[in-house]
Amino acid sequence: MSAAGARYLALALGLVLAACSGPDYSREGGTDDQRRRDEALCRDQIKDLVAKERGIVADREATLGATDQRLGRTQLPGQMAATDDRNRSNRLMNSCMSQRGYATKKSGITF
C-alpha cells in the first residue's frame, strides 16, 4: 500500500469512528446497555466494510498511479474521500440501528 493510501485509510477509519457516534438512538423497551452493545456491533461492521473499501482504492491507486498526485490535486481527493466515507458511514449506521429496531431521537428543533 502506498503512503498516500495508508494516509487515506487512517483518515477514513478515524472519520468512521467519529461519524458513528452521531445521533442518539432509542428503542421502546430497550436499555442503555443494549443500545451501547448494538451501536458497538454496528460500528465494528461499518469500520470493517469501509476499511476494505479504502484498501481497494489504495491498492488501485498504487497499481495505476495516483492521477491526482500527477495533476497536482493533493488535498481535494482526500477531503472528498473523507466526506464520502463519513456520509456513507452515517447512512450505514442508521440502517444498521434501524434494522435492530432503533429510531433516531428527535431534537425538538424544527426548520
PDB file of N, CA and C in Angstrom:
ATOM      1  N   MET A   1       0.856  -1.166   0.000  1.00  0.00           N
ATOM      2  CA  MET A   1       0.000   0.000   0.000  1.00  0.00           C
ATOM      3  C   MET A   1       0.902   1.229   0.000  1.00  0.00           C
ATOM      4  N   SER A   2       0.557   2.224  -0.790  1.00  0.00           N
ATOM      5  CA  SER A   2       1.349   3.438  -0.876  1.00  0.00           C
ATOM      6  C   SER A   2       1.172   4.281   0.382  1.00  0.00           C
ATOM      7  N   ALA A   3       2.062   5.245   0.559  1.00  0.00           N
ATOM      8  CA  ALA A   3       1.967   6.131   1.720  1.00  0.00           C
ATOM      9  C   ALA A   3       0.674   6.936   1.676  1.00  0.00           C
ATOM     10  N   ALA A   4       0.313   7.400   0.469  1.00  0.00           N
ATOM     11  CA  ALA A   4      -0.941   8.148   0.334  1.00  0.00           C
ATOM     12  C   ALA A   4      -2.135   7.266   0.664  1.00  0.00           C
ATOM     13  N   GLY A   5      -2.086   6.015   0.215  1.00  0.00           N
ATOM     14  CA  GLY A   5      -3.172   5.087   0.511  1.00  0.00           C
ATOM     15  C   GLY A   5      -3.296   4.825   2.003  1.00  0.00           C
ATOM     16  N   ALA A   6      -2.162   4.703   2.665  1.00  0.00           N
ATOM     17  CA  ALA A   6      -2.180   4.479   4.112  1.00  0.00           C
ATOM     18  C   ALA A   6      -2.764   5.687   4.837  1.00  0.00           C
ATOM     19  N   ARG A   7      -2.432   6.892   4.357  1.00  0.00           N
ATOM     20  CA  ARG A   7      -2.998   8.097   4.975  1.00  0.00           C
ATOM     21  C   ARG A   7      -4.512   8.144   4.787  1.00  0.00           C
ATOM     22  N   TYR A   8      -4.971   7.824   3.561  1.00  0.00           N
ATOM     23  CA  TYR A   8      -6.413   7.809   3.300  1.00  0.00           C
ATOM     24  C   TYR A   8      -7.112   6.792   4.192  1.00  0.00           C
ATOM     25  N   LEU A   9      -6.502   5.630   4.338  1.00  0.00           N
ATOM     26  CA  LEU A   9      -7.101   4.580   5.156  1.00  0.00           C
ATOM     27  C   LEU A   9      -7.190   5.023   6.612  1.00  0.00           C
ATOM     28  N   ALA A  10      -6.124   5.592   7.142  1.00  0.00           N
ATOM     29  CA  ALA A  10      -6.128   6.056   8.529  1.00  0.00           C
ATOM     30  C   ALA A  10      -7.160   7.162   8.733  1.00  0.00           C
ATOM     31  N   LEU A  11      -7.223   8.083   7.793  1.00  0.00           N
ATOM     32  CA  LEU A  11      -8.197   9.164   7.875  1.00  0.00           C
ATOM     33  C   LEU A  11      -9.613   8.618   7.822  1.00  0.00           C
ATOM     34  N   ALA A  12      -9.849   7.691   6.914  1.00  0.00           N
ATOM     35  CA  ALA A  12     -11.185   7.116   6.770  1.00  0.00           C
ATOM     36  C   ALA A  12     -11.615   6.387   8.038  1.00  0.00           C
ATOM     37  N   LEU A  13     -10.725   5.618   8.621  1.00  0.00           N
ATOM     38  CA  LEU A  13     -11.074   4.882   9.836  1.00  0.00           C
ATOM     39  C   LEU A  13     -11.387   5.836  10.982  1.00  0.00           C
ATOM     40  N   GLY A  14     -10.588   6.895  11.096  1.00  0.00           N
ATOM     41  CA  GLY A  14     -10.850   7.878  12.142  1.00  0.00           C
ATOM     42  C   GLY A  14     -12.194   8.554  11.958  1.00  0.00           C
ATOM     43  N   LEU A  15     -12.514   8.887  10.721  1.00  0.00           N
ATOM     44  CA  LEU A  15     -13.789   9.535  10.450  1.00  0.00           C
ATOM     45  C   LEU A  15     -14.960   8.595  10.660  1.00  0.00           C
ATOM     46  N   VAL A  16     -14.762   7.336  10.345  1.00  0.00           N
ATOM     47  CA  VAL A  16     -15.830   6.355  10.563  1.00  0.00           C
ATOM     48  C   VAL A  16     -16.169   6.289  12.038  1.00  0.00           C
ATOM     49  N   LEU A  17     -15.161   6.214  12.870  1.00  0.00           N
ATOM     50  CA  LEU A  17     -15.413   6.131  14.306  1.00  0.00           C
ATOM     51  C   LEU A  17     -16.074   7.399  14.824  1.00  0.00           C
ATOM     52  N   ALA A  18     -15.637   8.545  14.332  1.00  0.00           N
ATOM     53  CA  ALA A  18     -16.242   9.804  14.756  1.00  0.00           C
ATOM     54  C   ALA A  18     -17.672   9.920  14.240  1.00  0.00           C
ATOM     55  N   ALA A  19     -17.882   9.531  13.012  1.00  0.00           N
ATOM     56  CA  ALA A  19     -19.199   9.656  12.404  1.00  0.00           C
ATOM     57  C   ALA A  19     -20.212   8.744  13.071  1.00  0.00           C
ATOM     58  N   CYS A  20     -19.777   7.607  13.511  1.00  0.00           N
ATOM     59  CA  CYS A  20     -20.713   6.641  14.094  1.00  0.00           C
ATOM     60  C   CYS A  20     -21.173   7.035  15.486  1.00  0.00           C
ATOM     61  N   SER A  21     -20.599   8.068  16.063  1.00  0.00           N
ATOM     62  CA  SER A  21     -21.010   8.466  17.405  1.00  0.00           C
ATOM     63  C   SER A  21     -22.049   9.576  17.362  1.00  0.00           C
ATOM     64  N   GLY A  22     -22.663   9.800  16.211  1.00  0.00           N
ATOM     65  CA  GLY A  22     -23.562  10.926  15.989  1.00  0.00           C
ATOM     66  C   GLY A  22     -24.882  10.884  16.726  1.00  0.00           C
ATOM     67  N   PRO A  23     -25.943  10.430  16.103  1.00  0.00           N
ATOM     68  CA  PRO A  23     -27.280  10.588  16.665  1.00  0.00           C
ATOM     69  C   PRO A  23     -27.540   9.668  17.859  1.00  0.00           C
ATOM     70  N   ASP A  24     -28.532  10.068  18.638  1.00  0.00           N
ATOM     71  CA  ASP A  24     -28.983   9.227  19.751  1.00  0.00           C
ATOM     72  C   ASP A  24     -30.062   8.296  19.232  1.00  0.00           C
ATOM     73  N   TYR A  25     -29.912   7.035  19.525  1.00  0.00           N
ATOM     74  CA  TYR A  25     -30.879   6.037  19.086  1.00  0.00           C
ATOM     75  C   TYR A  25     -31.708   5.587  20.278  1.00  0.00           C
ATOM     76  N   SER A  26     -32.964   5.327  20.024  1.00  0.00           N
ATOM     77  CA  SER A  26     -33.845   4.832  21.081  1.00  0.00           C
ATOM     78  C   SER A  26     -34.704   3.701  20.529  1.00  0.00           C
ATOM     79  N   ARG A  27     -35.063   2.812  21.439  1.00  0.00           N
ATOM     80  CA  ARG A  27     -35.939   1.698  21.078  1.00  0.00           C
ATOM     81  C   ARG A  27     -36.865   1.473  22.256  1.00  0.00           C
ATOM     82  N   GLU A  28     -38.130   1.366  21.969  1.00  0.00           N
ATOM     83  CA  GLU A  28     -39.095   1.162  23.040  1.00  0.00           C
ATOM     84  C   GLU A  28     -38.752  -0.110  23.803  1.00  0.00           C
ATOM     85  N   GLY A  29     -38.641   0.028  25.098  1.00  0.00           N
ATOM     86  CA  GLY A  29     -38.327  -1.109  25.947  1.00  0.00           C
ATOM     87  C   GLY A  29     -36.851  -1.472  25.967  1.00  0.00           C
ATOM     88  N   GLY A  30     -36.022  -0.728  25.254  1.00  0.00           N
ATOM     89  CA  GLY A  30     -34.590  -1.022  25.201  1.00  0.00           C
ATOM     90  C   GLY A  30     -33.840  -0.370  26.353  1.00  0.00           C
ATOM     91  N   THR A  31     -32.754  -0.987  26.748  1.00  0.00           N
ATOM     92  CA  THR A  31     -31.922  -0.438  27.815  1.00  0.00           C
ATOM     93  C   THR A  31     -30.704   0.267  27.211  1.00  0.00           C
ATOM     94  N   ASP A  32     -30.080   1.117  28.012  1.00  0.00           N
ATOM     95  CA  ASP A  32     -28.866   1.806  27.565  1.00  0.00           C
ATOM     96  C   ASP A  32     -27.747   0.808  27.276  1.00  0.00           C
ATOM     97  N   ASP A  33     -27.643  -0.231  28.101  1.00  0.00           N
ATOM     98  CA  ASP A  33     -26.602  -1.238  27.877  1.00  0.00           C
ATOM     99  C   ASP A  33     -26.803  -1.952  26.542  1.00  0.00           C
ATOM    100  N   GLN A  34     -28.028  -2.310  26.222  1.00  0.00           N
ATOM    101  CA  GLN A  34     -28.311  -2.984  24.954  1.00  0.00           C
ATOM    102  C   GLN A  34     -28.023  -2.054  23.778  1.00  0.00           C
ATOM    103  N   ARG A  35     -28.411  -0.783  23.919  1.00  0.00           N
ATOM    104  CA  ARG A  35     -28.158   0.187  22.854  1.00  0.00           C
ATOM    105  C   ARG A  35     -26.654   0.337  22.616  1.00  0.00           C
ATOM    106  N   ARG A  36     -25.885   0.420  23.692  1.00  0.00           N
ATOM    107  CA  ARG A  36     -24.425   0.538  23.543  1.00  0.00           C
ATOM    108  C   ARG A  36     -23.833  -0.688  22.862  1.00  0.00           C
ATOM    109  N   ARG A  37     -24.327  -1.871  23.224  1.00  0.00           N
ATOM    110  CA  ARG A  37     -23.841  -3.101  22.575  1.00  0.00           C
ATOM    111  C   ARG A  37     -24.208  -3.113  21.094  1.00  0.00           C
ATOM    112  N   ASP A  38     -25.443  -2.727  20.785  1.00  0.00           N
ATOM    113  CA  ASP A  38     -25.871  -2.699  19.382  1.00  0.00           C
ATOM    114  C   ASP A  38     -25.089  -1.665  18.582  1.00  0.00           C
ATOM    115  N   GLU A  39     -24.853  -0.492  19.165  1.00  0.00           N
ATOM    116  CA  GLU A  39     -24.052   0.536  18.479  1.00  0.00           C
ATOM    117  C   GLU A  39     -22.637   0.026  18.224  1.00  0.00           C
ATOM    118  N   ALA A  40     -22.062  -0.660  19.208  1.00  0.00           N
ATOM    119  CA  ALA A  40     -20.703  -1.181  19.047  1.00  0.00           C
ATOM    120  C   ALA A  40     -20.650  -2.231  17.932  1.00  0.00           C
ATOM    121  N   LEU A  41     -21.657  -3.101  17.870  1.00  0.00           N
ATOM    122  CA  LEU A  41     -21.709  -4.103  16.807  1.00  0.00           C
ATOM    123  C   LEU A  41     -21.816  -3.445  15.436  1.00  0.00           C
ATOM    124  N   CYS A  42     -22.684  -2.451  15.338  1.00  0.00           N
ATOM    125  CA  CYS A  42     -22.841  -1.741  14.056  1.00  0.00           C
ATOM    126  C   CYS A  42     -21.551  -1.019  13.685  1.00  0.00           C
ATOM    127  N   ARG A  43     -20.925  -0.333  14.639  1.00  0.00           N
ATOM    128  CA  ARG A  43     -19.671   0.380  14.368  1.00  0.00           C
ATOM    129  C   ARG A  43     -18.594  -0.569  13.863  1.00  0.00           C
ATOM    130  N   ASP A  44     -18.479  -1.730  14.486  1.00  0.00           N
ATOM    131  CA  ASP A  44     -17.473  -2.712  14.058  1.00  0.00           C
ATOM    132  C   ASP A  44     -17.724  -3.179  12.627  1.00  0.00           C
ATOM    133  N   GLN A  45     -18.977  -3.452  12.306  1.00  0.00           N
ATOM    134  CA  GLN A  45     -19.310  -3.886  10.939  1.00  0.00           C
ATOM    135  C   GLN A  45     -18.984  -2.800   9.925  1.00  0.00           C
ATOM    136  N   ILE A  46     -19.332  -1.567  10.252  1.00  0.00           N
ATOM    137  CA  ILE A  46     -19.100  -0.447   9.339  1.00  0.00           C
ATOM    138  C   ILE A  46     -17.611  -0.178   9.195  1.00  0.00           C
ATOM    139  N   LYS A  47     -16.890  -0.212  10.292  1.00  0.00           N
ATOM    140  CA  LYS A  47     -15.445   0.026  10.258  1.00  0.00           C
ATOM    141  C   LYS A  47     -14.763  -0.985   9.345  1.00  0.00           C
ATOM    142  N   ASP A  48     -15.137  -2.238   9.461  1.00  0.00           N
ATOM    143  CA  ASP A  48     -14.550  -3.279   8.612  1.00  0.00           C
ATOM    144  C   ASP A  48     -14.883  -3.055   7.143  1.00  0.00           C
ATOM    145  N   LEU A  49     -16.134  -2.727   6.858  1.00  0.00           N
ATOM    146  CA  LEU A  49     -16.558  -2.513   5.482  1.00  0.00           C
ATOM    147  C   LEU A  49     -15.827  -1.330   4.848  1.00  0.00           C
ATOM    148  N   VAL A  50     -15.771  -0.207   5.539  1.00  0.00           N
ATOM    149  CA  VAL A  50     -15.125   0.989   4.994  1.00  0.00           C
ATOM    150  C   VAL A  50     -13.618   0.749   4.844  1.00  0.00           C
ATOM    151  N   ALA A  51     -13.017   0.049   5.793  1.00  0.00           N
ATOM    152  CA  ALA A  51     -11.586  -0.244   5.689  1.00  0.00           C
ATOM    153  C   ALA A  51     -11.292  -1.084   4.454  1.00  0.00           C
ATOM    154  N   LYS A  52     -12.136  -2.068   4.185  1.00  0.00           N
ATOM    155  CA  LYS A  52     -11.958  -2.889   2.982  1.00  0.00           C
ATOM    156  C   LYS A  52     -12.090  -2.038   1.726  1.00  0.00           C
ATOM    157  N   GLU A  53     -13.100  -1.185   1.695  1.00  0.00           N
ATOM    158  CA  GLU A  53     -13.302  -0.330   0.521  1.00  0.00           C
ATOM    159  C   GLU A  53     -12.140   0.629   0.328  1.00  0.00           C
ATOM    160  N   ARG A  54     -11.653   1.236   1.401  1.00  0.00           N
ATOM    161  CA  ARG A  54     -10.500   2.144   1.315  1.00  0.00           C
ATOM    162  C   ARG A  54      -9.257   1.380   0.873  1.00  0.00           C
ATOM    163  N   GLY A  55      -9.099   0.149   1.337  1.00  0.00           N
ATOM    164  CA  GLY A  55      -7.962  -0.672   0.924  1.00  0.00           C
ATOM    165  C   GLY A  55      -7.983  -0.951  -0.562  1.00  0.00           C
ATOM    166  N   ILE A  56      -9.158  -1.200  -1.097  1.00  0.00           N
ATOM    167  CA  ILE A  56      -9.292  -1.438  -2.538  1.00  0.00           C
ATOM    168  C   ILE A  56      -8.884  -0.188  -3.311  1.00  0.00           C
ATOM    169  N   VAL A  57      -9.343   0.967  -2.856  1.00  0.00           N
ATOM    170  CA  VAL A  57      -8.993   2.222  -3.523  1.00  0.00           C
ATOM    171  C   VAL A  57      -7.489   2.459  -3.440  1.00  0.00           C
ATOM    172  N   ALA A  58      -6.907   2.225  -2.281  1.00  0.00           N
ATOM    173  CA  ALA A  58      -5.467   2.432  -2.115  1.00  0.00           C
ATOM    174  C   ALA A  58      -4.668   1.486  -3.013  1.00  0.00           C
ATOM    175  N   ASP A  59      -5.098   0.240  -3.108  1.00  0.00           N
ATOM    176  CA  ASP A  59      -4.415  -0.716  -3.987  1.00  0.00           C
ATOM    177  C   ASP A  59      -4.517  -0.297  -5.444  1.00  0.00           C
ATOM    178  N   ARG A  60      -5.697   0.172  -5.834  1.00  0.00           N
ATOM    179  CA  ARG A  60      -5.884   0.626  -7.206  1.00  0.00           C
ATOM    180  C   ARG A  60      -4.960   1.807  -7.512  1.00  0.00           C
ATOM    181  N   GLU A  61      -4.881   2.751  -6.585  1.00  0.00           N
ATOM    182  CA  GLU A  61      -4.016   3.905  -6.783  1.00  0.00           C
ATOM    183  C   GLU A  61      -2.552   3.493  -6.850  1.00  0.00           C
ATOM    184  N   ALA A  62      -2.181   2.522  -6.026  1.00  0.00           N
ATOM    185  CA  ALA A  62      -0.796   2.063  -6.036  1.00  0.00           C
ATOM    186  C   ALA A  62      -0.465   1.354  -7.351  1.00  0.00           C
ATOM    187  N   THR A  63      -1.429   0.645  -7.897  1.00  0.00           N
ATOM    188  CA  THR A  63      -1.220  -0.094  -9.137  1.00  0.00           C
ATOM    189  C   THR A  63      -1.254   0.833 -10.354  1.00  0.00           C
ATOM    190  N   LEU A  64      -2.240   1.687 -10.414  1.00  0.00           N
ATOM    191  CA  LEU A  64      -2.430   2.538 -11.578  1.00  0.00           C
ATOM    192  C   LEU A  64      -1.695   3.868 -11.469  1.00  0.00           C
ATOM    193  N   GLY A  65      -1.284   4.206 -10.293  1.00  0.00           N
ATOM    194  CA  GLY A  65      -0.660   5.507 -10.082  1.00  0.00           C
ATOM    195  C   GLY A  65      -1.706   6.512  -9.659  1.00  0.00           C
ATOM    196  N   ALA A  66      -1.304   7.401  -8.802  1.00  0.00           N
ATOM    197  CA  ALA A  66      -2.238   8.395  -8.283  1.00  0.00           C
ATOM    198  C   ALA A  66      -2.369   9.538  -9.284  1.00  0.00           C
ATOM    199  N   THR A  67      -3.415   9.507 -10.057  1.00  0.00           N
ATOM    200  CA  THR A  67      -3.664  10.539 -11.060  1.00  0.00           C
ATOM    201  C   THR A  67      -3.725  11.914 -10.411  1.00  0.00           C
ATOM    202  N   ASP A  68      -4.361  11.995  -9.261  1.00  0.00           N
ATOM    203  CA  ASP A  68      -4.489  13.287  -8.599  1.00  0.00           C
ATOM    204  C   ASP A  68      -3.127  13.860  -8.211  1.00  0.00           C
ATOM    205  N   GLN A  69      -2.212  12.997  -7.801  1.00  0.00           N
ATOM    206  CA  GLN A  69      -0.856  13.470  -7.469  1.00  0.00           C
ATOM    207  C   GLN A  69      -0.177  14.027  -8.711  1.00  0.00           C
ATOM    208  N   ARG A  70      -0.305  13.319  -9.823  1.00  0.00           N
ATOM    209  CA  ARG A  70       0.342  13.762 -11.060  1.00  0.00           C
ATOM    210  C   ARG A  70      -0.230  15.080 -11.550  1.00  0.00           C
ATOM    211  N   LEU A  71      -1.508  15.308 -11.277  1.00  0.00           N
ATOM    212  CA  LEU A  71      -2.158  16.531 -11.736  1.00  0.00           C
ATOM    213  C   LEU A  71      -2.079  17.662 -10.708  1.00  0.00           C
ATOM    214  N   GLY A  72      -1.424  17.410  -9.595  1.00  0.00           N
ATOM    215  CA  GLY A  72      -1.255  18.444  -8.583  1.00  0.00           C
ATOM    216  C   GLY A  72      -2.438  18.640  -7.660  1.00  0.00           C
ATOM    217  N   ARG A  73      -3.387  17.731  -7.707  1.00  0.00           N
ATOM    218  CA  ARG A  73      -4.551  17.819  -6.812  1.00  0.00           C
ATOM    219  C   ARG A  73      -4.253  16.951  -5.601  1.00  0.00           C
ATOM    220  N   THR A  74      -3.645  17.528  -4.591  1.00  0.00           N
ATOM    221  CA  THR A  74      -3.173  16.703  -3.483  1.00  0.00           C
ATOM    222  C   THR A  74      -4.145  16.620  -2.312  1.00  0.00           C
ATOM    223  N   GLN A  75      -4.852  17.688  -1.998  1.00  0.00           N
ATOM    224  CA  GLN A  75      -5.712  17.665  -0.816  1.00  0.00           C
ATOM    225  C   GLN A  75      -7.175  17.369  -1.126  1.00  0.00           C
ATOM    226  N   LEU A  76      -7.664  17.880  -2.225  1.00  0.00           N
ATOM    227  CA  LEU A  76      -9.087  17.736  -2.529  1.00  0.00           C
ATOM    228  C   LEU A  76      -9.555  16.283  -2.598  1.00  0.00           C
ATOM    229  N   PRO A  77      -8.856  15.387  -3.282  1.00  0.00           N
ATOM    230  CA  PRO A  77      -9.335  13.993  -3.324  1.00  0.00           C
ATOM    231  C   PRO A  77      -9.433  13.356  -1.942  1.00  0.00           C
ATOM    232  N   GLY A  78      -8.481  13.637  -1.079  1.00  0.00           N
ATOM    233  CA  GLY A  78      -8.535  13.095   0.277  1.00  0.00           C
ATOM    234  C   GLY A  78      -9.708  13.640   1.062  1.00  0.00           C
ATOM    235  N   GLN A  79      -9.957  14.940   0.904  1.00  0.00           N
ATOM    236  CA  GLN A  79     -11.081  15.563   1.586  1.00  0.00           C
ATOM    237  C   GLN A  79     -12.404  15.003   1.072  1.00  0.00           C
ATOM    238  N   MET A  80     -12.475  14.808  -0.239  1.00  0.00           N
ATOM    239  CA  MET A  80     -13.700  14.245  -0.816  1.00  0.00           C
ATOM    240  C   MET A  80     -13.907  12.805  -0.354  1.00  0.00           C
ATOM    241  N   ALA A  81     -12.838  12.032  -0.300  1.00  0.00           N
ATOM    242  CA  ALA A  81     -12.941  10.647   0.154  1.00  0.00           C
ATOM    243  C   ALA A  81     -13.380  10.593   1.612  1.00  0.00           C
ATOM    244  N   ALA A  82     -12.841  11.493   2.428  1.00  0.00           N
ATOM    245  CA  ALA A  82     -13.207  11.518   3.847  1.00  0.00           C
ATOM    246  C   ALA A  82     -14.683  11.880   4.013  1.00  0.00           C
ATOM    247  N   THR A  83     -15.153  12.858   3.248  1.00  0.00           N
ATOM    248  CA  THR A  83     -16.561  13.251   3.316  1.00  0.00           C
ATOM    249  C   THR A  83     -17.459  12.112   2.855  1.00  0.00           C
ATOM    250  N   ASP A  84     -17.057  11.451   1.772  1.00  0.00           N
ATOM    251  CA  ASP A  84     -17.825  10.316   1.266  1.00  0.00           C
ATOM    252  C   ASP A  84     -17.888   9.202   2.307  1.00  0.00           C
ATOM    253  N   ASP A  85     -16.750   8.909   2.942  1.00  0.00           N
ATOM    254  CA  ASP A  85     -16.722   7.866   3.972  1.00  0.00           C
ATOM    255  C   ASP A  85     -17.621   8.240   5.152  1.00  0.00           C
ATOM    256  N   ARG A  86     -17.568   9.500   5.565  1.00  0.00           N
ATOM    257  CA  ARG A  86     -18.371   9.944   6.700  1.00  0.00           C
ATOM    258  C   ARG A  86     -19.862   9.828   6.367  1.00  0.00           C
ATOM    259  N   ASN A  87     -20.258  10.297   5.183  1.00  0.00           N
ATOM    260  CA  ASN A  87     -21.672  10.209   4.787  1.00  0.00           C
ATOM    261  C   ASN A  87     -22.132   8.767   4.667  1.00  0.00           C
ATOM    262  N   ARG A  88     -21.303   7.940   4.045  1.00  0.00           N
ATOM    263  CA  ARG A  88     -21.644   6.520   3.893  1.00  0.00           C
ATOM    264  C   ARG A  88     -21.741   5.842   5.257  1.00  0.00           C
ATOM    265  N   SER A  89     -20.815   6.152   6.143  1.00  0.00           N
ATOM    266  CA  SER A  89     -20.829   5.569   7.487  1.00  0.00           C
ATOM    267  C   SER A  89     -22.096   5.956   8.238  1.00  0.00           C
ATOM    268  N   ASN A  90     -22.498   7.215   8.115  1.00  0.00           N
ATOM    269  CA  ASN A  90     -23.729   7.661   8.784  1.00  0.00           C
ATOM    270  C   ASN A  90     -24.943   6.904   8.258  1.00  0.00           C
ATOM    271  N   ARG A  91     -25.024   6.757   6.941  1.00  0.00           N
ATOM    272  CA  ARG A  91     -26.159   6.027   6.360  1.00  0.00           C
ATOM    273  C   ARG A  91     -26.146   4.562   6.800  1.00  0.00           C
ATOM    274  N   LEU A  92     -24.967   3.949   6.795  1.00  0.00           N
ATOM    275  CA  LEU A  92     -24.862   2.540   7.204  1.00  0.00           C
ATOM    276  C   LEU A  92     -25.213   2.367   8.676  1.00  0.00           C
ATOM    277  N   MET A  93     -24.782   3.308   9.512  1.00  0.00           N
ATOM    278  CA  MET A  93     -25.082   3.233  10.944  1.00  0.00           C
ATOM    279  C   MET A  93     -26.584   3.359  11.170  1.00  0.00           C
ATOM    280  N   ASN A  94     -27.222   4.324  10.509  1.00  0.00           N
ATOM    281  CA  ASN A  94     -28.665   4.491  10.658  1.00  0.00           C
ATOM    282  C   ASN A  94     -29.408   3.250  10.176  1.00  0.00           C
ATOM    283  N   SER A  95     -28.959   2.666   9.086  1.00  0.00           N
ATOM    284  CA  SER A  95     -29.590   1.461   8.558  1.00  0.00           C
ATOM    285  C   SER A  95     -29.413   0.282   9.519  1.00  0.00           C
ATOM    286  N   CYS A  96     -28.206   0.117  10.018  1.00  0.00           N
ATOM    287  CA  CYS A  96     -27.914  -0.994  10.938  1.00  0.00           C
ATOM    288  C   CYS A  96     -28.756  -0.877  12.210  1.00  0.00           C
ATOM    289  N   MET A  97     -28.809   0.320  12.775  1.00  0.00           N
ATOM    290  CA  MET A  97     -29.577   0.502  14.002  1.00  0.00           C
ATOM    291  C   MET A  97     -31.080   0.379  13.738  1.00  0.00           C
ATOM    292  N   SER A  98     -31.512   0.847  12.590  1.00  0.00           N
ATOM    293  CA  SER A  98     -32.921   0.715  12.229  1.00  0.00           C
ATOM    294  C   SER A  98     -33.312  -0.756  12.121  1.00  0.00           C
ATOM    295  N   GLN A  99     -32.437  -1.567  11.545  1.00  0.00           N
ATOM    296  CA  GLN A  99     -32.709  -2.999  11.419  1.00  0.00           C
ATOM    297  C   GLN A  99     -32.784  -3.670  12.788  1.00  0.00           C
ATOM    298  N   ARG A 100     -32.166  -3.071  13.776  1.00  0.00           N
ATOM    299  CA  ARG A 100     -32.215  -3.609  15.132  1.00  0.00           C
ATOM    300  C   ARG A 100     -33.383  -3.025  15.939  1.00  0.00           C
ATOM    301  N   GLY A 101     -34.211  -2.217  15.263  1.00  0.00           N
ATOM    302  CA  GLY A 101     -35.415  -1.697  15.908  1.00  0.00           C
ATOM    303  C   GLY A 101     -35.278  -0.320  16.529  1.00  0.00           C
ATOM    304  N   TYR A 102     -34.208   0.388  16.251  1.00  0.00           N
ATOM    305  CA  TYR A 102     -33.986   1.708  16.838  1.00  0.00           C
ATOM    306  C   TYR A 102     -34.440   2.812  15.903  1.00  0.00           C
ATOM    307  N   ALA A 103     -34.816   3.926  16.515  1.00  0.00           N
ATOM    308  CA  ALA A 103     -35.140   5.149  15.773  1.00  0.00           C
ATOM    309  C   ALA A 103     -34.244   6.254  16.317  1.00  0.00           C
ATOM    310  N   THR A 104     -34.020   7.264  15.504  1.00  0.00           N
ATOM    311  CA  THR A 104     -33.222   8.405  15.933  1.00  0.00           C
ATOM    312  C   THR A 104     -34.091   9.312  16.769  1.00  0.00           C
ATOM    313  N   LYS A 105     -33.576   9.714  17.936  1.00  0.00           N
ATOM    314  CA  LYS A 105     -34.318  10.638  18.793  1.00  0.00           C
ATOM    315  C   LYS A 105     -34.397  11.988  18.103  1.00  0.00           C
ATOM    316  N   LYS A 106     -35.546  12.607  18.184  1.00  0.00           N
ATOM    317  CA  LYS A 106     -35.739  13.927  17.597  1.00  0.00           C
ATOM    318  C   LYS A 106     -35.226  14.967  18.583  1.00  0.00           C
ATOM    319  N   SER A 107     -34.610  16.032  18.053  1.00  0.00           N
ATOM    320  CA  SER A 107     -34.040  17.062  18.908  1.00  0.00           C
ATOM    321  C   SER A 107     -35.059  18.099  19.345  1.00  0.00           C
ATOM    322  N   GLY A 108     -36.207  18.123  18.709  1.00  0.00           N
ATOM    323  CA  GLY A 108     -37.203  19.122  19.044  1.00  0.00           C
ATOM    324  C   GLY A 108     -37.039  20.416  18.268  1.00  0.00           C
ATOM    325  N   ILE A 109     -35.995  20.521  17.496  1.00  0.00           N
ATOM    326  CA  ILE A 109     -35.745  21.713  16.692  1.00  0.00           C
ATOM    327  C   ILE A 109     -36.411  21.518  15.347  1.00  0.00           C
ATOM    328  N   THR A 110     -37.181  22.479  14.923  1.00  0.00           N
ATOM    329  CA  THR A 110     -37.812  22.389  13.603  1.00  0.00           C
ATOM    330  C   THR A 110     -37.280  23.497  12.725  1.00  0.00           C
ATOM    331  N   PHE A 111     -37.199  23.227  11.462  1.00  0.00           N
ATOM    332  CA  PHE A 111     -36.695  24.208  10.497  1.00  0.00           C
ATOM    333  C   PHE A 111     -37.754  24.514   9.488  1.00  0.00           C
TER     334      PHE A 111
END
